C-alpha atoms as a PDB file:
ATOM      1  CA  MET A   1      27.350  65.044 -30.653  1.00  0.00           C
ATOM      2  CA  LYS A   2      31.279  62.950 -29.144  1.00  0.00           C
ATOM      3  CA  HIS A   3      31.482  60.056 -31.466  1.00  0.00           C
ATOM      4  CA  LEU A   4      33.045  57.343 -29.036  1.00  0.00           C
ATOM      5  CA  SER A   5      35.669  55.474 -30.773  1.00  0.00           C
ATOM      6  CA  ILE A   6      34.898  51.504 -30.556  1.00  0.00           C
ATOM      7  CA  LYS A   7      37.150  51.086 -26.690  1.00  0.00           C
ATOM      8  CA  GLU A   8      35.157  52.972 -25.417  1.00  0.00           C
ATOM      9  CA  LYS A   9      31.395  52.152 -26.992  1.00  0.00           C
ATOM     10  CA  LEU A  10      32.562  48.423 -25.883  1.00  0.00           C
ATOM     11  CA  ILE A  11      33.647  49.661 -22.020  1.00  0.00           C
ATOM     12  CA  SER A  12      30.625  51.672 -21.952  1.00  0.00           C
ATOM     13  CA  ALA A  13      28.263  48.363 -22.768  1.00  0.00           C
ATOM     14  CA  LEU A  14      29.623  46.441 -20.331  1.00  0.00           C
ATOM     15  CA  HIS A  15      29.488  48.564 -17.963  1.00  0.00           C
ATOM     16  CA  ARG A  16      25.521  49.300 -18.770  1.00  0.00           C
ATOM     17  CA  ARG A  17      25.916  45.572 -18.456  1.00  0.00           C
ATOM     18  CA  LYS A  18      27.094  45.107 -15.019  1.00  0.00           C
ATOM     19  CA  ASN A  19      24.582  47.870 -13.735  1.00  0.00           C
ATOM     20  CA  LYS A  20      21.597  45.500 -15.130  1.00  0.00           C
ATOM     21  CA  GLN A  21      23.409  42.780 -13.785  1.00  0.00           C
ATOM     22  CA  ARG A  22      23.419  44.439  -9.941  1.00  0.00           C
ATOM     23  CA  LYS A  23      20.257  45.557  -9.788  1.00  0.00           C
ATOM     24  CA  LYS A  24      18.840  42.007 -10.182  1.00  0.00           C
ATOM     25  CA  ARG A  25      20.229  40.424  -7.405  1.00  0.00           C
ATOM     26  CA  PRO A  26      18.084  39.808  -4.685  1.00  0.00           C
ATOM     27  CA  CYS A  27      19.645  41.343  -1.152  1.00  0.00           C
ATOM     28  CA  ALA A  28      21.532  38.634   1.577  1.00  0.00           C
ATOM     29  CA  ILE A  29      19.940  39.798   4.275  1.00  0.00           C
ATOM     30  CA  ASP A  30      16.189  39.915   2.508  1.00  0.00           C
ATOM     31  CA  TYR A  31      15.710  36.348   1.931  1.00  0.00           C
ATOM     32  CA  ASP A  32      11.747  37.155   1.410  1.00  0.00           C
ATOM     33  CA  SER A  33      12.452  38.693  -1.932  1.00  0.00           C
ATOM     34  CA  THR A  34      14.019  35.089  -3.245  1.00  0.00           C
ATOM     35  CA  ASP A  35      11.331  32.673  -4.782  1.00  0.00           C
ATOM     36  CA  GLU A  36      12.267  30.053  -2.395  1.00  0.00           C
ATOM     37  CA  SER A  37      11.439  31.557   1.628  1.00  0.00           C
ATOM     38  CA  PHE A  38      13.698  29.506   4.455  1.00  0.00           C
ATOM     39  CA  SER A  39      10.581  27.384   5.630  1.00  0.00           C
ATOM     40  CA  ASP A  40       9.763  25.847   2.443  1.00  0.00           C
ATOM     41  CA  ILE A  41      13.558  24.976   1.978  1.00  0.00           C
ATOM     42  CA  GLU A  42      13.588  23.652   5.459  1.00  0.00           C
ATOM     43  CA  GLU A  43      10.799  21.466   4.730  1.00  0.00           C
ATOM     44  CA  ARG A  44      11.745  20.032   1.461  1.00  0.00           C
ATOM     45  CA  LEU A  45      15.267  19.379   3.243  1.00  0.00           C
ATOM     46  CA  LEU A  46      14.081  17.257   5.888  1.00  0.00           C
ATOM     47  CA  GLU A  47      12.004  15.418   3.548  1.00  0.00           C
ATOM     48  CA  TRP A  48      15.024  15.079   1.394  1.00  0.00           C
ATOM     49  CA  VAL A  49      17.211  13.893   4.314  1.00  0.00           C
ATOM     50  CA  ASP A  50      14.039  11.379   5.757  1.00  0.00           C
ATOM     51  CA  GLU A  51      14.545   9.804   2.128  1.00  0.00           C
ATOM     52  CA  LYS A  52      17.812   9.036   2.512  1.00  0.00           C
ATOM     53  CA  GLN A  53      19.181  11.037  -0.411  1.00  0.00           C
ATOM     54  CA  PHE A  54      21.649  11.957   1.089  1.00  0.00           C
ATOM     55  CA  ALA A  55      23.377   8.905   0.095  1.00  0.00           C
ATOM     56  CA  ASP A  56      23.375   9.135  -3.373  1.00  0.00           C
ATOM     57  CA  GLU A  57      27.219   9.551  -3.755  1.00  0.00           C
ATOM     58  CA  SER A  58      26.347  11.855  -6.685  1.00  0.00           C
ATOM     59  CA  ILE A  59      25.338  14.486  -4.180  1.00  0.00           C
ATOM     60  CA  ARG A  60      28.451  16.053  -3.457  1.00  0.00           C
ATOM     61  CA  SER A  61      27.136  19.902  -2.959  1.00  0.00           C
ATOM     62  CA  VAL A  62      25.183  22.671  -2.588  1.00  0.00           C
ATOM     63  CA  GLY A  63      24.167  22.181  -6.410  1.00  0.00           C
ATOM     64  CA  ASP A  64      23.813  18.362  -6.415  1.00  0.00           C
ATOM     65  CA  ILE A  65      21.295  19.374  -2.762  1.00  0.00           C
ATOM     66  CA  ALA A  66      18.888  22.200  -4.595  1.00  0.00           C
ATOM     67  CA  GLU A  67      18.948  20.364  -8.204  1.00  0.00           C
ATOM     68  CA  SER A  68      17.505  17.149  -6.152  1.00  0.00           C
ATOM     69  CA  ILE A  69      15.101  19.252  -3.802  1.00  0.00           C
ATOM     70  CA  GLY A  70      13.560  21.149  -7.143  1.00  0.00           C
ATOM     71  CA  ILE A  71      15.500  24.887  -5.968  1.00  0.00           C
ATOM     72  CA  ARG A  72      17.818  27.458  -6.335  1.00  0.00           C
ATOM     73  CA  ARG A  73      21.469  26.318  -5.560  1.00  0.00           C
ATOM     74  CA  HIS A  74      21.736  30.403  -4.658  1.00  0.00           C
ATOM     75  CA  SER A  75      18.602  30.295  -1.749  1.00  0.00           C
ATOM     76  CA  LEU A  76      20.389  27.066  -0.734  1.00  0.00           C
ATOM     77  CA  SER A  77      23.468  28.400  -0.457  1.00  0.00           C
ATOM     78  CA  ARG A  78      21.545  31.607   1.896  1.00  0.00           C
ATOM     79  CA  TYR A  79      19.998  28.761   3.949  1.00  0.00           C
ATOM     80  CA  PHE A  80      23.092  27.387   4.619  1.00  0.00           C
ATOM     81  CA  ALA A  81      24.999  30.521   5.465  1.00  0.00           C
ATOM     82  CA  ILE A  82      22.520  32.297   7.010  1.00  0.00           C
ATOM     83  CA  VAL A  83      20.211  29.333   9.019  1.00  0.00           C
ATOM     84  CA  LEU A  84      22.308  25.887   9.227  1.00  0.00           C
ATOM     85  CA  LYS A  85      25.589  28.111   9.881  1.00  0.00           C
ATOM     86  CA  GLU A  86      27.410  25.442   8.252  1.00  0.00           C
ATOM     87  CA  ASP A  87      29.162  24.230   4.754  1.00  0.00           C
ATOM     88  CA  PRO A  88      26.862  22.309   2.962  1.00  0.00           C
ATOM     89  CA  ARG A  89      29.619  19.610   1.772  1.00  0.00           C
ATOM     90  CA  THR A  90      30.436  19.284   5.658  1.00  0.00           C
ATOM     91  CA  TRP A  91      26.466  18.532   6.289  1.00  0.00           C
ATOM     92  CA  ILE A  92      26.363  16.049   3.459  1.00  0.00           C
ATOM     93  CA  VAL A  93      29.093  14.144   4.969  1.00  0.00           C
ATOM     94  CA  GLN A  94      27.910  14.304   8.720  1.00  0.00           C
ATOM     95  CA  ARG A  95      24.659  12.535   7.468  1.00  0.00           C
ATOM     96  CA  ARG A  96      26.633   9.971   6.141  1.00  0.00           C
ATOM     97  CA  ILE A  97      28.730   9.714   8.943  1.00  0.00           C
ATOM     98  CA  ASN A  98      25.617   9.428  10.920  1.00  0.00           C
ATOM     99  CA  MET A  99      24.175   7.097   8.645  1.00  0.00           C
ATOM    100  CA  ALA A 100      26.649   4.549   8.606  1.00  0.00           C
ATOM    101  CA  LYS A 101      27.539   4.656  12.130  1.00  0.00           C
ATOM    102  CA  ASP A 102      23.750   3.469  12.908  1.00  0.00           C
ATOM    103  CA  MET A 103      24.940   0.555   9.625  1.00  0.00           C
ATOM    104  CA  LEU A 104      27.787  -0.642  11.815  1.00  0.00           C
ATOM    105  CA  ILE A 105      26.188  -1.512  14.790  1.00  0.00           C
ATOM    106  CA  ARG A 106      22.721  -2.893  12.682  1.00  0.00           C
ATOM    107  CA  TYR A 107      24.497  -4.759  10.406  1.00  0.00           C
ATOM    108  CA  PRO A 108      27.996  -6.085  12.518  1.00  0.00           C
ATOM    109  CA  ASP A 109      28.466  -9.405   9.129  1.00  0.00           C
ATOM    110  CA  CYS A 110      28.803  -5.866   6.386  1.00  0.00           C
ATOM    111  CA  SER A 111      31.847  -4.706   6.148  1.00  0.00           C
ATOM    112  CA  ALA A 112      33.209  -0.928   6.602  1.00  0.00           C
ATOM    113  CA  THR A 113      33.475  -0.435   2.440  1.00  0.00           C
ATOM    114  CA  ILE A 114      29.910  -1.854   1.456  1.00  0.00           C
ATOM    115  CA  ILE A 115      28.495   0.517   4.493  1.00  0.00           C
ATOM    116  CA  GLY A 116      30.911   3.353   3.268  1.00  0.00           C
ATOM    117  CA  ASP A 117      29.878   2.511  -0.136  1.00  0.00           C
ATOM    118  CA  SER A 118      25.476   2.352   1.522  1.00  0.00           C
ATOM    119  CA  VAL A 119      25.909   5.654   2.331  1.00  0.00           C
ATOM    120  CA  GLY A 120      27.283   7.378  -0.150  1.00  0.00           C
ATOM    121  CA  PHE A 121      31.699   7.567  -0.488  1.00  0.00           C
ATOM    122  CA  SER A 122      32.686   5.385  -3.552  1.00  0.00           C
ATOM    123  CA  ASP A 123      35.772   5.591  -2.203  1.00  0.00           C
ATOM    124  CA  ARG A 124      37.330   3.002   1.062  1.00  0.00           C
ATOM    125  CA  SER A 125      39.705   5.367   1.619  1.00  0.00           C
ATOM    126  CA  ASN A 126      37.752   8.539   1.862  1.00  0.00           C
ATOM    127  CA  PHE A 127      35.205   7.029   3.937  1.00  0.00           C
ATOM    128  CA  ALA A 128      38.010   6.072   6.734  1.00  0.00           C
ATOM    129  CA  ARG A 129      39.170   9.218   6.728  1.00  0.00           C
ATOM    130  CA  GLN A 130      36.000  10.981   6.618  1.00  0.00           C
ATOM    131  CA  PHE A 131      34.420   8.778   8.849  1.00  0.00           C
ATOM    132  CA  LYS A 132      37.860   9.220  11.968  1.00  0.00           C
ATOM    133  CA  LYS A 133      38.007  13.285  11.335  1.00  0.00           C
ATOM    134  CA  HIS A 134      34.078  13.150  12.488  1.00  0.00           C
ATOM    135  CA  THR A 135      33.546  10.473  15.397  1.00  0.00           C
ATOM    136  CA  GLY A 136      37.660  10.243  16.680  1.00  0.00           C
ATOM    137  CA  MET A 137      37.539   6.229  15.182  1.00  0.00           C
ATOM    138  CA  THR A 138      37.827   4.535  12.395  1.00  0.00           C
ATOM    139  CA  PRO A 139      34.911   2.352  11.254  1.00  0.00           C
ATOM    140  CA  GLY A 140      36.602  -1.478  13.051  1.00  0.00           C
ATOM    141  CA  GLU A 141      36.888   0.654  15.993  1.00  0.00           C
ATOM    142  CA  TRP A 142      33.373   2.013  16.119  1.00  0.00           C
ATOM    143  CA  ARG A 143      32.278  -1.115  15.848  1.00  0.00           C
ATOM    144  CA  GLU A 144      34.398  -2.980  18.126  1.00  0.00           C
ATOM    145  CA  ARG A 145      33.235  -0.554  20.815  1.00  0.00           C
ATOM    146  CA  ASP A 146      29.714  -0.586  20.384  1.00  0.00           C
ATOM    147  CA  LEU A 147      29.567  -4.647  20.023  1.00  0.00           C
ATOM    148  CA  ILE A 148      27.611  -5.870  23.456  1.00  0.00           C
ATOM    149  CA  LYS A 149      28.473  -7.896  24.995  1.00  0.00           C
ATOM    150  CA  PRO A 150      26.202 -11.194  26.982  1.00  0.00           C
ATOM    151  CA  GLY A 151      25.548  -9.441  30.317  1.00  0.00           C
ATOM    152  CA  GLU A 152      26.776  -6.049  29.446  1.00  0.00           C
ATOM    153  CA  LYS A 153      24.826  -2.406  29.132  1.00  0.00           C
ATOM    154  CA  ASN A 154      25.524  -0.644  26.027  1.00  0.00           C
ATOM    155  CA  LEU A 155      26.911   2.556  27.315  1.00  0.00           C
ATOM    156  CA  TYR A 156      26.848   3.796  24.123  1.00  0.00           C
ATOM    157  CA  SER A 157      23.059   3.822  22.118  1.00  0.00           C
ATOM    158  CA  PHE A 158      22.551   7.497  22.757  1.00  0.00           C
ATOM    159  CA  HIS A 159      25.116   8.552  19.870  1.00  0.00           C
ATOM    160  CA  PHE A 160      22.935   7.884  17.573  1.00  0.00           C
ATOM    161  CA  GLU A 161      20.691  10.501  16.519  1.00  0.00           C
ATOM    162  CA  LYS A 162      17.384  10.385  14.221  1.00  0.00           C
ATOM    163  CA  MET A 163      18.366  10.478  10.162  1.00  0.00           C
END
């Protein structure tokens, strides 16, 4: 019987632990091996969007969304990667920008800062920067170009997506 040194015992224990962890991981392609199916994730995510929970400024990551809809972060990350093919943070920002575009037109007397805050941007400059990045315009420019003057046709109404 061979006697192992303490160092060899530690290395052996670490290798056994790593092998156990590898066996527990589900295959990245076999999504049915997870607790949540993609259709279940989609259903929960659509309900979450319908309730406009993305406007909560504490939602900043895929982990925050996963916790909010009651699924595992890993499952939601794979859903974004495989089904939506989009980064979760970009997806969150896009939902917020779409809601802000609508609010800027619906509430012309409300400041862009208040609208930005109400859709989940806690920082006015970040809202303006993200808005311009996604629309090519500042919130003020968006509002001005879409104001309907008496007798004019609103050419931009088709830009609004269902939120």
